[in-house]
Protein backbone atom coordinates (compact mmCIF):
# COMPACT_ATOMS: atom_id res chain seq x y z
CA UNK A 1 0.00 0.00 0.00
CA UNK A 2 1.33 3.43 -0.96
CA UNK A 3 2.08 5.61 2.07
CA UNK A 4 0.19 8.88 2.29
CA UNK A 5 2.18 12.08 2.50
CA UNK A 6 1.61 15.40 4.21
CA UNK A 7 0.91 18.37 1.96
CA UNK A 8 3.58 20.79 3.16
CA UNK A 9 2.66 21.97 6.64
CA UNK A 10 -1.11 21.48 6.30
CA UNK A 11 -1.58 18.38 8.44
CA UNK A 12 -3.47 16.89 5.48
CA UNK A 13 -2.26 13.45 4.40
CA UNK A 14 -2.92 12.51 0.80
CA UNK A 15 -2.15 9.78 -1.68
CA UNK A 16 0.69 11.06 -3.90
CA UNK A 17 -1.63 10.68 -6.88
CA UNK A 18 -4.73 12.84 -6.70
CA UNK A 19 -7.62 13.42 -9.09
CA UNK A 20 -7.89 16.58 -11.14
CA UNK A 21 -11.67 16.96 -11.41
CA UNK A 22 -12.00 19.51 -14.19
CA UNK A 23 -13.50 16.93 -16.57
CA UNK A 24 -15.96 15.12 -14.33
CA UNK A 25 -18.93 17.10 -15.60
CA UNK A 26 -18.54 15.50 -19.03
CA UNK A 27 -20.16 12.36 -20.40
CA UNK A 28 -18.87 11.66 -23.88
CA UNK A 29 -19.09 8.15 -25.32
CA UNK A 30 -16.79 9.06 -28.20
CA UNK A 31 -13.94 9.73 -25.77
CA UNK A 32 -15.07 7.13 -23.22
CA UNK A 33 -15.77 9.65 -20.49
CA UNK A 34 -17.76 8.34 -17.53
CA UNK A 35 -19.97 10.83 -15.74
CA UNK A 36 -18.39 12.37 -12.65
CA UNK A 37 -19.98 10.30 -9.89
CA UNK A 38 -18.61 7.08 -11.36
CA UNK A 39 -15.11 8.53 -11.56
CA UNK A 40 -15.18 9.80 -7.96
CA UNK A 41 -16.40 6.47 -6.61
CA UNK A 42 -13.81 4.61 -8.66
CA UNK A 43 -11.08 6.89 -7.33
CA UNK A 44 -12.01 6.31 -3.69
CA UNK A 45 -12.43 2.56 -4.17
CA UNK A 46 -8.95 2.47 -5.76
CA UNK A 47 -7.33 4.13 -2.74
CA UNK A 48 -7.13 7.73 -3.95
CA UNK A 49 -8.19 10.27 -1.33
CA UNK A 50 -7.31 13.70 -2.82
CA UNK A 51 -9.72 15.47 -5.19
CA UNK A 52 -8.95 18.85 -6.76
CA UNK A 53 -11.73 20.94 -8.27
CA UNK A 54 -12.77 24.59 -8.76
CA UNK A 55 -15.85 26.73 -9.22
CA UNK A 56 -14.86 27.52 -12.80
CA UNK A 57 -15.01 23.81 -13.72
CA UNK A 58 -18.52 24.00 -15.11
CA UNK A 59 -19.54 27.04 -13.02
CA UNK A 60 -19.86 24.88 -9.94
CA UNK A 61 -20.96 21.66 -11.67
CA UNK A 62 -17.80 19.76 -10.75
CA UNK A 63 -18.21 20.79 -7.10
CA UNK A 64 -21.89 19.82 -7.13
CA UNK A 65 -21.19 16.35 -8.52
CA UNK A 66 -18.46 15.78 -5.95
CA UNK A 67 -20.66 16.94 -3.09
CA UNK A 68 -23.64 14.85 -4.17
CA UNK A 69 -21.53 11.73 -4.72
CA UNK A 70 -19.67 11.95 -1.42
CA UNK A 71 -22.90 12.54 0.51
CA UNK A 72 -24.75 9.67 -1.16
CA UNK A 73 -21.91 7.27 -0.39
CA UNK A 74 -20.98 8.76 2.99
CA UNK A 75 -17.39 9.13 1.87
CA UNK A 76 -16.65 12.73 2.86
CA UNK A 77 -14.49 11.70 5.83
CA UNK A 78 -12.30 9.60 3.52
CA UNK A 79 -11.46 12.43 1.10
CA UNK A 80 -9.28 15.53 1.14
CA UNK A 81 -11.14 18.17 -0.88
CA UNK A 82 -9.40 21.06 -2.61
CA UNK A 83 -11.29 23.71 -4.53
CA UNK A 84 -10.58 27.12 -6.00
CA UNK A 85 -12.42 30.39 -6.37
CA UNK A 86 -11.88 33.87 -7.81
CA UNK A 87 -14.33 34.03 -10.70
CA UNK A 88 -17.76 35.57 -10.91
CA UNK A 89 -19.98 36.42 -13.84
CA UNK A 90 -21.89 39.53 -14.78
CA UNK A 91 -24.01 38.26 -17.65
CA UNK A 92 -21.53 36.63 -20.02
CA UNK A 93 -18.61 38.64 -18.67
CA UNK A 94 -16.20 36.73 -16.42
CA UNK A 95 -14.57 38.80 -13.68
CA UNK A 96 -11.66 37.79 -11.44
CA UNK A 97 -12.28 39.00 -7.89
CA UNK A 98 -10.06 38.55 -4.81
CA UNK A 99 -11.86 41.07 -2.63
CA UNK A 100 -12.47 39.94 0.96
CA UNK A 101 -16.24 40.13 0.56
CA UNK A 102 -16.19 37.97 -2.56
CA UNK A 103 -13.75 35.41 -1.15
CA UNK A 104 -16.03 34.95 1.86
CA UNK A 105 -19.01 34.60 -0.48
CA UNK A 106 -17.33 32.13 -2.82
CA UNK A 107 -16.12 29.93 0.04
CA UNK A 108 -19.66 29.78 1.44
CA UNK A 109 -21.04 28.90 -1.99
CA UNK A 110 -18.41 26.18 -2.50
CA UNK A 111 -19.25 24.71 0.91
CA UNK A 112 -22.89 24.42 -0.16
CA UNK A 113 -22.10 22.84 -3.53
CA UNK A 114 -19.66 20.40 -1.94
CA UNK A 115 -22.20 19.67 0.82
CA UNK A 116 -19.55 19.89 3.50
CA UNK A 117 -18.84 21.94 6.64
CA UNK A 118 -15.19 22.57 5.83
CA UNK A 119 -12.99 22.74 2.71
CA UNK A 120 -9.64 21.05 3.30
CA UNK A 121 -7.71 23.28 0.89
CA UNK A 122 -9.02 26.48 -0.68
CA UNK A 123 -7.06 28.26 -3.40
CA UNK A 124 -7.40 31.73 -4.82
CA UNK A 125 -7.58 30.51 -8.40
CA UNK A 126 -6.26 33.64 -10.15
CA UNK A 127 -5.04 37.00 -8.84
CA UNK A 128 -7.05 40.08 -9.60
CA UNK A 129 -5.53 43.50 -10.29
CA UNK A 130 -7.03 45.55 -7.46
CA UNK A 131 -6.84 43.56 -4.23
CA UNK A 132 -3.60 43.60 -2.21
CA UNK A 133 -2.49 39.98 -2.07
CA UNK A 134 -1.75 39.96 1.67
CA UNK A 135 -5.29 41.26 2.23
CA UNK A 136 -6.82 38.44 0.20
CA UNK A 137 -4.75 35.82 2.03
CA UNK A 138 -5.59 37.47 5.35
CA UNK A 139 -9.26 36.88 4.55
CA UNK A 140 -8.59 33.19 3.94
CA UNK A 141 -6.65 33.04 7.21
CA UNK A 142 -9.71 34.34 9.05
CA UNK A 143 -11.86 31.75 7.29
CA UNK A 144 -9.34 29.14 8.41
CA UNK A 145 -9.50 30.37 12.01
CA UNK A 146 -13.31 30.20 11.89
CA UNK A 147 -13.21 26.59 10.67
CA UNK A 148 -14.49 27.12 7.12
CA UNK A 149 -11.23 25.98 5.50
CA UNK A 150 -8.27 23.96 6.75
CA UNK A 151 -5.46 25.27 4.57
CA UNK A 152 -4.69 28.07 2.14
CA UNK A 153 -3.49 27.95 -1.44
CA UNK A 154 -2.95 30.19 -4.45
CA UNK A 155 -2.75 29.41 -8.14
CA UNK A 156 -1.37 31.31 -11.13
CA UNK A 157 0.31 34.00 -8.99
CA UNK A 158 3.51 35.63 -10.20
CA UNK A 159 6.54 35.37 -7.93
CA UNK A 160 6.12 38.96 -6.77
CA UNK A 161 2.44 38.40 -6.04
CA UNK A 162 3.30 35.22 -4.20
CA UNK A 163 5.86 36.94 -1.98
CA UNK A 164 3.40 39.69 -1.14
CA UNK A 165 0.63 37.18 -0.45
CA UNK A 166 2.84 35.16 1.88
CA UNK A 167 4.24 38.04 3.91
CA UNK A 168 2.67 36.53 7.06
CA UNK A 169 3.54 32.93 6.15
CA UNK A 170 -0.07 31.83 5.69
CA UNK A 171 0.23 30.08 2.31
CA UNK A 172 0.35 26.30 2.49
CA UNK A 173 0.12 25.19 -1.15
CA UNK A 174 0.79 26.68 -4.58
CA UNK A 175 -0.60 25.24 -7.79
CA UNK A 176 0.83 26.30 -11.12
CA UNK A 177 1.83 24.96 -14.52
CA UNK A 178 4.84 22.69 -14.42
CA UNK A 179 6.00 19.74 -16.48
CA UNK A 180 9.14 18.45 -18.14
CA UNK A 181 8.63 20.83 -21.05
CA UNK A 182 8.16 23.81 -18.74
CA UNK A 183 10.52 23.42 -15.75
CA UNK A 184 11.17 27.10 -15.06
CA UNK A 185 9.42 26.84 -11.68
CA UNK A 186 12.33 24.74 -10.41
CA UNK A 187 14.69 27.71 -10.49
CA UNK A 188 12.15 30.54 -10.17
CA UNK A 189 9.95 29.18 -7.39
CA UNK A 190 11.11 25.93 -5.79
CA UNK A 191 13.75 27.52 -3.51
CA UNK A 192 11.06 29.87 -2.14
CA UNK A 193 8.70 26.94 -1.55
CA UNK A 194 11.37 25.00 0.32
CA UNK A 195 12.32 27.98 2.47
CA UNK A 196 8.66 28.55 3.40
CA UNK A 197 7.53 24.91 3.66
CA UNK A 198 5.02 25.37 0.85
CA UNK A 199 3.88 22.34 -1.09
CA UNK A 200 3.74 22.68 -4.87
CA UNK A 201 1.14 20.92 -7.00
CA UNK A 202 1.69 21.07 -10.77
CA UNK A 203 -1.08 21.31 -13.31
CA UNK A 204 -0.67 20.17 -16.93
CA UNK A 205 1.75 17.53 -15.60
CA UNK A 206 1.56 15.57 -18.85
CA UNK A 207 1.52 18.69 -21.08
CA UNK A 208 -1.95 17.98 -22.48
CA UNK A 209 -0.99 14.36 -23.09
CA UNK A 210 2.24 15.01 -24.99
CA UNK A 211 4.37 13.53 -22.20
CA UNK A 212 2.20 10.44 -21.84
CA UNK A 213 3.96 8.68 -24.71
CA UNK A 214 0.76 7.95 -26.64
CA UNK A 215 0.97 10.48 -29.47
CA UNK A 216 2.38 9.78 -32.92
CA UNK A 217 3.36 11.82 -35.96
CA UNK A 218 -0.13 11.46 -37.43
CA UNK A 219 -2.13 12.13 -34.24
CA UNK A 220 -5.12 14.43 -34.81
CA UNK A 221 -5.41 17.17 -32.17
CA UNK A 222 -8.27 19.19 -30.79
CA UNK A 223 -8.42 22.89 -31.59
CA UNK A 224 -7.35 23.68 -28.02
CA UNK A 225 -4.29 21.45 -28.33
CA UNK A 226 -3.39 23.02 -31.67
CA UNK A 227 -3.24 26.41 -29.98
CA UNK A 228 -0.53 25.32 -27.54
CA UNK A 229 3.10 25.93 -28.61
CA UNK A 230 4.27 22.36 -27.94
CA UNK A 231 1.95 21.04 -30.68
CA UNK A 232 3.43 23.13 -33.51
CA UNK A 233 4.99 20.82 -36.12
CA UNK A 234 8.77 21.03 -35.65
CA UNK A 235 8.50 21.56 -31.90
CA UNK A 236 6.03 18.70 -31.58
CA UNK A 237 8.18 16.23 -33.54
CA UNK A 238 11.20 17.16 -31.43
CA UNK A 239 9.26 16.42 -28.24
CA UNK A 240 8.03 13.13 -29.66
CA UNK A 241 11.63 12.02 -30.12
CA UNK A 242 12.52 13.03 -26.57
CA UNK A 243 9.53 11.27 -25.02
CA UNK A 244 10.26 8.14 -27.05
CA UNK A 245 13.57 7.82 -25.20
CA UNK A 246 11.64 7.25 -21.96
CA UNK A 247 10.36 3.89 -23.20
CA UNK A 248 13.53 2.14 -22.07
CA UNK A 249 12.98 3.32 -18.47
CA UNK A 250 9.28 2.49 -18.67
CA UNK A 251 10.03 -1.04 -19.89
CA UNK A 252 12.56 -1.52 -17.09
CA UNK A 253 9.93 -0.63 -14.47
CA UNK A 254 7.15 -2.46 -16.35
CA UNK A 255 4.97 0.67 -16.57
CA UNK A 256 4.00 3.23 -19.19
CA UNK A 257 5.83 6.44 -20.09
CA UNK A 258 3.24 8.56 -18.27
CA UNK A 259 4.00 6.71 -15.01
CA UNK A 260 7.69 7.52 -15.36
CA UNK A 261 6.94 11.21 -15.91
CA UNK A 262 4.61 11.45 -12.89
CA UNK A 263 7.05 9.47 -10.75
CA UNK A 264 9.80 11.94 -11.72
CA UNK A 265 7.76 14.86 -10.41
CA UNK A 266 7.37 13.10 -7.08
CA UNK A 267 11.17 13.04 -6.75
CA UNK A 268 11.12 16.85 -6.51
CA UNK A 269 11.37 17.77 -2.84
CA UNK A 270 8.61 20.38 -2.88
CA UNK A 271 6.07 18.23 -4.81
CA UNK A 272 4.02 16.02 -2.49
CA UNK A 273 1.23 15.09 -4.90
CA UNK A 274 0.30 15.29 -8.57
CA UNK A 275 -3.28 15.52 -9.84
CA UNK A 276 -3.71 14.03 -13.32
CA UNK A 277 -7.24 13.96 -14.67
CA UNK A 278 -9.15 10.81 -15.55
CA UNK A 279 -12.06 10.00 -17.83
CA UNK A 280 -12.96 6.60 -16.39
CA UNK A 281 -12.09 3.94 -13.79
CA UNK A 282 -9.36 2.41 -15.92
CA UNK A 283 -7.49 5.70 -16.16
CA UNK A 284 -7.72 6.24 -12.40
CA UNK A 285 -6.31 2.81 -11.64
CA UNK A 286 -3.65 3.39 -14.25
CA UNK A 287 -2.63 6.79 -12.82
CA UNK A 288 -2.16 5.27 -9.37
CA UNK A 289 0.61 3.01 -10.66
CA UNK A 290 2.92 6.04 -10.84
CA UNK A 291 3.14 6.19 -7.03
CA UNK A 292 4.64 2.70 -6.99
CA UNK A 293 7.50 3.54 -9.36
CA UNK A 294 10.85 3.98 -7.60
CA UNK A 295 13.19 5.79 -9.96
CA UNK A 296 16.92 5.28 -9.50
CA UNK A 297 19.44 8.10 -9.48
CA UNK A 298 20.44 6.98 -12.96
CA UNK A 299 16.82 7.16 -14.15
CA UNK A 300 16.45 10.68 -12.76
CA UNK A 301 19.69 11.83 -14.36
CA UNK A 302 18.62 10.30 -17.69
CA UNK A 303 15.37 12.30 -17.59
CA UNK A 304 17.22 15.46 -16.54
CA UNK A 305 19.54 15.08 -19.54
CA UNK A 306 16.64 14.79 -21.98
CA UNK A 307 14.60 17.64 -20.51
CA UNK A 308 17.10 19.89 -18.71
CA UNK A 309 15.94 22.68 -16.42
C-alpha cells in the first residue's frame, strides 16, 4: 500500500496521486468519459483520497457532482477536498475577484455545492488587479481560524504576487503549470517553496498528453491542443523524439511512459502530490501506478539530460 504524505505543513495526508476533477462534468461516449460520480467512486475505491476541483469547472458543476456523490456514499471523511475560487460572472462577462467580501461569499457557496462543513484546501484561483495579495490571504486566514477551510493555497500568482501574499507565512500550497517541457518553476519558485515549507502541485503535468507517450506523428489534435506551442509541427516532432527515449525506463519498471513522468515529479522535494485527470475507472487505476515507481538516481539523471531545467 502506498504511504500517504503530508501536503507541506497542512496536516493533510494525501495519496501522492490525486484526481484533477476539471472533466468530471462530461459524459462523452466518443472519448469514453464516464460521468463524474462514477469517476469519484472509482477513485475512492482504488485508494485515492485527494480530489482537486474549482468553481470555474462548469460554473460549480464539478463541485456539485463531488458533493452529491460523497454525501450519497458517505465518503466525505475519507477524502481531502481542494477547490478554488476567484471568478464571478456579470451576464456573459467573467470577472476575477479577490476582494475579501467575494472570497467569503465564494467559500460559502463552495461549501454548499460540496455539501460539507469545511474545505480542506481552498485556493485563490487567479489573482485580480485591485486587491492587495496579503489582504486576500488574510481573509482566507480568518476563514481558516473560523473553521471554514483547513489550509490556504494560491494558483497562477507571479513570484512577486506570491511573496506579497505570503508576507505573514499563511500560504500552504501553490498550484501552477509545471512539467518536463516547462521546468522554469524549479529555479524561479522551488527555492522559495522549500524555504517557506510550501507544497507545490503542478497542473498540466503531462503537457496535455504530450508527455504520456501515446501520441504519434499522425495524431489528430483538438483545436485547443493546436493552440498550444508544444503542438506546432517542428517543436512537436522534437518532443516526440525526446519522449520516445523514456520507453527504455518504462520497460525496465514495467509501466508506461506517463507513469515515469509522474514518478519523476514526485522526486522533486517540494512536490508532495500530482493531480492528473481521468475520464474513467481504468485511467484512475492506471494513474495510481505512478506512485509505486521507484526511480533510481540513474533514471532521474537520464530524464534530466533529456529535458534539462
